Amino acid sequence: MLCYALHAHHDGEDRILWPVLRERLSAEESRLLDKIEIQHADITSCIERVEDARRQWFLHLDHHHGDALANELHALSRLVDRHLDDEERDILPLAAAYLSEAEWHAVNEGGKAVLSFKAVLFIVGMTCYRVNRRLTNVVLYSLSAPAKIAIPPLARLMYVRRAARVHGTRRP
């Protein structure tokens, strides 16, 4: 689900945000956006490898295929970490300077058509519960002020309940 959400989010940025932002950037600033778009393509390719490895692991259920899946997940994690660092440092300030709040929120509106509210809550809960605060801030960045207050506790509760069902403990 997280790979699907990541892909959907990047697709929304690529289709909705970046074309509008690019029109307003200088040549130097555009190079920063070029780098982010290349990273999106690299992450998409890695997600495809993760999905292939996951399917192979489900078919064979052995250590070899489990290790292959783990390796692809580690590769994806490294790509996403680097991407988030670059996006937070280079692109979020440009977006804040050149995009209106409505333009920024257009990505979320597009995402609503792709992800159910329950899926969004699960993803926010997982990032709030298991991931560093920086990523949580990125996930929550585009929410309205009331949503930033209301959604994290609800999402955390939803994630903890699911963790208890799946792992037998509220602390997976």
C-alpha atoms as a PDB file:
ATOM      1  CA  MET A   1       0.000   0.000   0.000  1.00  0.00           C
ATOM      2  CA  LEU A   2       2.829   2.405   0.820  1.00  0.00           C
ATOM      3  CA  CYS A   3       4.454   1.840  -2.588  1.00  0.00           C
ATOM      4  CA  TYR A   4       1.107   2.532  -4.261  1.00  0.00           C
ATOM      5  CA  ALA A   5       0.611   5.713  -2.228  1.00  0.00           C
ATOM      6  CA  LEU A   6       4.143   6.904  -2.972  1.00  0.00           C
ATOM      7  CA  HIS A   7       3.655   6.291  -6.679  1.00  0.00           C
ATOM      8  CA  ALA A   8       0.260   8.052  -6.654  1.00  0.00           C
ATOM      9  CA  HIS A   9       1.724  11.041  -4.796  1.00  0.00           C
ATOM     10  CA  HIS A  10       4.643  11.380  -7.213  1.00  0.00           C
ATOM     11  CA  ASP A  11       2.305  10.984 -10.174  1.00  0.00           C
ATOM     12  CA  GLY A  12       0.205  13.852  -8.820  1.00  0.00           C
ATOM     13  CA  GLU A  13       3.253  16.053  -8.368  1.00  0.00           C
ATOM     14  CA  ASP A  14       4.499  15.213 -11.870  1.00  0.00           C
ATOM     15  CA  ARG A  15       1.133  15.837 -13.557  1.00  0.00           C
ATOM     16  CA  ILE A  16      -0.311  18.672 -11.475  1.00  0.00           C
ATOM     17  CA  LEU A  17       2.332  20.593  -9.528  1.00  0.00           C
ATOM     18  CA  TRP A  18       5.580  20.477 -11.461  1.00  0.00           C
ATOM     19  CA  PRO A  19       4.241  21.859 -14.778  1.00  0.00           C
ATOM     20  CA  VAL A  20       2.767  24.885 -12.972  1.00  0.00           C
ATOM     21  CA  LEU A  21       5.886  25.366 -10.849  1.00  0.00           C
ATOM     22  CA  ARG A  22       8.268  24.963 -13.798  1.00  0.00           C
ATOM     23  CA  GLU A  23       6.636  27.886 -15.641  1.00  0.00           C
ATOM     24  CA  ARG A  24       7.613  30.175 -12.759  1.00  0.00           C
ATOM     25  CA  LEU A  25      11.184  28.986 -12.142  1.00  0.00           C
ATOM     26  CA  SER A  26      14.464  30.415 -13.343  1.00  0.00           C
ATOM     27  CA  ALA A  27      16.768  28.182 -15.399  1.00  0.00           C
ATOM     28  CA  GLU A  28      18.837  27.427 -12.291  1.00  0.00           C
ATOM     29  CA  GLU A  29      15.751  26.583 -10.232  1.00  0.00           C
ATOM     30  CA  SER A  30      14.456  24.387 -13.069  1.00  0.00           C
ATOM     31  CA  ARG A  31      17.561  22.220 -12.763  1.00  0.00           C
ATOM     32  CA  LEU A  32      16.558  21.459  -9.172  1.00  0.00           C
ATOM     33  CA  LEU A  33      13.145  20.338 -10.402  1.00  0.00           C
ATOM     34  CA  ASP A  34      14.804  18.260 -13.158  1.00  0.00           C
ATOM     35  CA  LYS A  35      16.706  16.388 -10.439  1.00  0.00           C
ATOM     36  CA  ILE A  36      13.485  15.693  -8.510  1.00  0.00           C
ATOM     37  CA  GLU A  37      11.738  14.420 -11.653  1.00  0.00           C
ATOM     38  CA  ILE A  38      14.654  12.058 -12.339  1.00  0.00           C
ATOM     39  CA  GLN A  39      14.390  10.837  -8.749  1.00  0.00           C
ATOM     40  CA  HIS A  40      10.662  10.208  -9.259  1.00  0.00           C
ATOM     41  CA  ALA A  41      11.483   8.045 -12.289  1.00  0.00           C
ATOM     42  CA  ASP A  42      14.169   6.174 -10.325  1.00  0.00           C
ATOM     43  CA  ILE A  43      11.756   5.594  -7.433  1.00  0.00           C
ATOM     44  CA  THR A  44       9.067   4.360  -9.845  1.00  0.00           C
ATOM     45  CA  SER A  45      11.543   1.858 -11.323  1.00  0.00           C
ATOM     46  CA  CYS A  46      12.542   0.724  -7.848  1.00  0.00           C
ATOM     47  CA  ILE A  47       8.881   0.311  -6.822  1.00  0.00           C
ATOM     48  CA  GLU A  48       8.412  -1.936  -9.865  1.00  0.00           C
ATOM     49  CA  ARG A  49      11.406  -4.024  -8.738  1.00  0.00           C
ATOM     50  CA  VAL A  50       9.969  -4.206  -5.200  1.00  0.00           C
ATOM     51  CA  GLU A  51       6.629  -5.389  -6.581  1.00  0.00           C
ATOM     52  CA  ASP A  52       8.340  -7.997  -8.776  1.00  0.00           C
ATOM     53  CA  ALA A  53      10.420  -9.212  -5.820  1.00  0.00           C
ATOM     54  CA  ARG A  54       7.307  -9.312  -3.618  1.00  0.00           C
ATOM     55  CA  ARG A  55       5.442 -11.431  -6.180  1.00  0.00           C
ATOM     56  CA  GLN A  56       8.414 -13.825  -6.465  1.00  0.00           C
ATOM     57  CA  TRP A  57       8.657 -14.116  -2.703  1.00  0.00           C
ATOM     58  CA  PHE A  58       4.936 -14.931  -2.446  1.00  0.00           C
ATOM     59  CA  LEU A  59       5.359 -17.599  -5.129  1.00  0.00           C
ATOM     60  CA  HIS A  60       8.411 -19.267  -3.568  1.00  0.00           C
ATOM     61  CA  LEU A  61       8.378 -18.280   0.128  1.00  0.00           C
ATOM     62  CA  ASP A  62      12.082 -18.996   0.571  1.00  0.00           C
ATOM     63  CA  HIS A  63      15.084 -17.141   1.999  1.00  0.00           C
ATOM     64  CA  HIS A  64      16.573 -16.360  -1.404  1.00  0.00           C
ATOM     65  CA  HIS A  65      13.456 -14.511  -2.569  1.00  0.00           C
ATOM     66  CA  GLY A  66      12.942 -12.956   0.858  1.00  0.00           C
ATOM     67  CA  ASP A  67      16.484 -11.578   0.756  1.00  0.00           C
ATOM     68  CA  ALA A  68      15.906 -10.245  -2.765  1.00  0.00           C
ATOM     69  CA  LEU A  69      12.768  -8.446  -1.564  1.00  0.00           C
ATOM     70  CA  ALA A  70      14.602  -7.040   1.462  1.00  0.00           C
ATOM     71  CA  ASN A  71      17.395  -5.756  -0.790  1.00  0.00           C
ATOM     72  CA  GLU A  72      14.921  -3.994  -3.076  1.00  0.00           C
ATOM     73  CA  LEU A  73      13.126  -2.476  -0.083  1.00  0.00           C
ATOM     74  CA  HIS A  74      16.458  -1.183   1.270  1.00  0.00           C
ATOM     75  CA  ALA A  75      17.264   0.300  -2.145  1.00  0.00           C
ATOM     76  CA  LEU A  76      13.848   1.992  -2.208  1.00  0.00           C
ATOM     77  CA  SER A  77      14.374   3.332   1.303  1.00  0.00           C
ATOM     78  CA  ARG A  78      17.715   4.875   0.320  1.00  0.00           C
ATOM     79  CA  LEU A  79      16.208   6.475  -2.805  1.00  0.00           C
ATOM     80  CA  VAL A  80      13.240   7.871  -0.884  1.00  0.00           C
ATOM     81  CA  ASP A  81      15.451   9.218   1.932  1.00  0.00           C
ATOM     82  CA  ARG A  82      17.691  11.019  -0.562  1.00  0.00           C
ATOM     83  CA  HIS A  83      14.661  12.268  -2.481  1.00  0.00           C
ATOM     84  CA  LEU A  84      12.950  13.619   0.649  1.00  0.00           C
ATOM     85  CA  ASP A  85      16.132  15.419   1.686  1.00  0.00           C
ATOM     86  CA  ASP A  86      16.438  17.032  -1.751  1.00  0.00           C
ATOM     87  CA  GLU A  87      12.738  17.829  -2.065  1.00  0.00           C
ATOM     88  CA  GLU A  88      12.546  19.346   1.408  1.00  0.00           C
ATOM     89  CA  ARG A  89      15.707  21.405   0.919  1.00  0.00           C
ATOM     90  CA  ASP A  90      15.285  22.459  -2.716  1.00  0.00           C
ATOM     91  CA  ILE A  91      11.666  22.180  -3.834  1.00  0.00           C
ATOM     92  CA  LEU A  92       9.442  22.950  -0.837  1.00  0.00           C
ATOM     93  CA  PRO A  93      10.880  26.493  -0.531  1.00  0.00           C
ATOM     94  CA  LEU A  94      10.285  27.043  -4.262  1.00  0.00           C
ATOM     95  CA  ALA A  95       6.751  25.679  -3.986  1.00  0.00           C
ATOM     96  CA  ALA A  96       6.091  27.974  -1.023  1.00  0.00           C
ATOM     97  CA  ALA A  97       7.407  30.951  -3.001  1.00  0.00           C
ATOM     98  CA  TYR A  98       5.746  30.274  -6.362  1.00  0.00           C
ATOM     99  CA  LEU A  99       2.596  28.205  -5.774  1.00  0.00           C
ATOM    100  CA  SER A 100      -0.666  29.246  -4.192  1.00  0.00           C
ATOM    101  CA  GLU A 101      -2.146  27.154  -1.422  1.00  0.00           C
ATOM    102  CA  ALA A 102      -4.875  26.001  -3.832  1.00  0.00           C
ATOM    103  CA  GLU A 103      -2.272  24.874  -6.380  1.00  0.00           C
ATOM    104  CA  TRP A 104      -0.365  22.980  -3.702  1.00  0.00           C
ATOM    105  CA  HIS A 105      -3.538  21.296  -2.443  1.00  0.00           C
ATOM    106  CA  ALA A 106      -4.463  20.199  -5.984  1.00  0.00           C
ATOM    107  CA  VAL A 107      -2.152  17.201  -5.558  1.00  0.00           C
ATOM    108  CA  ASN A 108      -4.118  16.083  -2.504  1.00  0.00           C
ATOM    109  CA  GLU A 109      -7.402  16.509  -4.357  1.00  0.00           C
ATOM    110  CA  GLY A 110      -6.069  14.282  -7.136  1.00  0.00           C
ATOM    111  CA  GLY A 111      -4.926  11.781  -4.536  1.00  0.00           C
ATOM    112  CA  LYS A 112      -8.404  11.543  -3.040  1.00  0.00           C
ATOM    113  CA  ALA A 113      -9.538   9.896  -6.258  1.00  0.00           C
ATOM    114  CA  VAL A 114      -6.773   7.292  -5.949  1.00  0.00           C
ATOM    115  CA  LEU A 115      -6.634   6.536  -2.213  1.00  0.00           C
ATOM    116  CA  SER A 116      -9.531   5.976   0.146  1.00  0.00           C
ATOM    117  CA  PHE A 117      -9.707   8.047   3.324  1.00  0.00           C
ATOM    118  CA  LYS A 118      -9.061   4.853   5.276  1.00  0.00           C
ATOM    119  CA  ALA A 119      -5.882   4.211   3.236  1.00  0.00           C
ATOM    120  CA  VAL A 120      -4.737   7.789   3.831  1.00  0.00           C
ATOM    121  CA  LEU A 121      -5.325   7.403   7.574  1.00  0.00           C
ATOM    122  CA  PHE A 122      -3.342   4.164   7.614  1.00  0.00           C
ATOM    123  CA  ILE A 123      -0.416   5.743   5.753  1.00  0.00           C
ATOM    124  CA  VAL A 124      -0.395   8.840   7.972  1.00  0.00           C
ATOM    125  CA  GLY A 125      -0.638   6.611  11.042  1.00  0.00           C
ATOM    126  CA  MET A 126       2.277   4.493   9.883  1.00  0.00           C
ATOM    127  CA  THR A 127       4.462   7.529   9.182  1.00  0.00           C
ATOM    128  CA  CYS A 128       3.545   9.128  12.508  1.00  0.00           C
ATOM    129  CA  TYR A 129       4.181   5.890  14.391  1.00  0.00           C
ATOM    130  CA  ARG A 130       7.227   4.374  12.721  1.00  0.00           C
ATOM    131  CA  VAL A 131       9.031   7.086  10.761  1.00  0.00           C
ATOM    132  CA  ASN A 132      11.067  10.078  11.784  1.00  0.00           C
ATOM    133  CA  ARG A 133       9.392  13.391  12.500  1.00  0.00           C
ATOM    134  CA  ARG A 134      10.781  14.996   9.327  1.00  0.00           C
ATOM    135  CA  LEU A 135       8.870  12.606   7.056  1.00  0.00           C
ATOM    136  CA  THR A 136       5.746  13.024   9.160  1.00  0.00           C
ATOM    137  CA  ASN A 137       5.990  16.796   8.624  1.00  0.00           C
ATOM    138  CA  VAL A 138       6.316  16.256   4.861  1.00  0.00           C
ATOM    139  CA  VAL A 139       3.245  13.989   4.874  1.00  0.00           C
ATOM    140  CA  LEU A 140       1.226  16.501   6.908  1.00  0.00           C
ATOM    141  CA  TYR A 141       2.547  19.619   5.110  1.00  0.00           C
ATOM    142  CA  SER A 142      -0.339  20.038   2.706  1.00  0.00           C
ATOM    143  CA  LEU A 143      -3.163  19.374   5.170  1.00  0.00           C
ATOM    144  CA  SER A 144      -5.347  22.172   6.495  1.00  0.00           C
ATOM    145  CA  ALA A 145      -4.625  23.386  10.036  1.00  0.00           C
ATOM    146  CA  PRO A 146      -7.622  21.553  11.583  1.00  0.00           C
ATOM    147  CA  ALA A 147      -6.678  18.347   9.726  1.00  0.00           C
ATOM    148  CA  LYS A 148      -3.072  18.594  10.988  1.00  0.00           C
ATOM    149  CA  ILE A 149      -4.472  18.528  14.520  1.00  0.00           C
ATOM    150  CA  ALA A 150      -7.237  15.943  14.078  1.00  0.00           C
ATOM    151  CA  ILE A 151      -5.773  13.383  11.686  1.00  0.00           C
ATOM    152  CA  PRO A 152      -2.496  12.288  13.375  1.00  0.00           C
ATOM    153  CA  PRO A 153      -4.055  10.929  16.608  1.00  0.00           C
ATOM    154  CA  LEU A 154      -6.851   9.202  14.686  1.00  0.00           C
ATOM    155  CA  ALA A 155      -4.379   7.802  12.158  1.00  0.00           C
ATOM    156  CA  ARG A 156      -2.004   6.581  14.883  1.00  0.00           C
ATOM    157  CA  LEU A 157      -4.877   4.807  16.640  1.00  0.00           C
ATOM    158  CA  MET A 158      -5.928   3.155  13.386  1.00  0.00           C
ATOM    159  CA  TYR A 159      -2.360   2.002  12.709  1.00  0.00           C
ATOM    160  CA  VAL A 160      -1.879   0.659  16.251  1.00  0.00           C
ATOM    161  CA  ARG A 161      -5.137  -1.311  16.025  1.00  0.00           C
ATOM    162  CA  ARG A 162      -4.089  -2.807  12.701  1.00  0.00           C
ATOM    163  CA  ALA A 163      -0.632  -3.626  14.090  1.00  0.00           C
ATOM    164  CA  ALA A 164      -2.293  -5.448  16.989  1.00  0.00           C
ATOM    165  CA  ARG A 165      -4.395  -7.513  14.565  1.00  0.00           C
ATOM    166  CA  VAL A 166      -1.492  -8.298  12.224  1.00  0.00           C
ATOM    167  CA  HIS A 167       1.400  -8.669  14.681  1.00  0.00           C
ATOM    168  CA  GLY A 168      -0.407  -9.545  17.898  1.00  0.00           C
ATOM    169  CA  THR A 169       1.055  -6.451  19.561  1.00  0.00           C
ATOM    170  CA  ARG A 170       0.347  -2.745  19.418  1.00  0.00           C
ATOM    171  CA  ARG A 171       4.097  -2.154  19.018  1.00  0.00           C
ATOM    172  CA  PRO A 172       5.239  -4.014  15.872  1.00  0.00           C
END
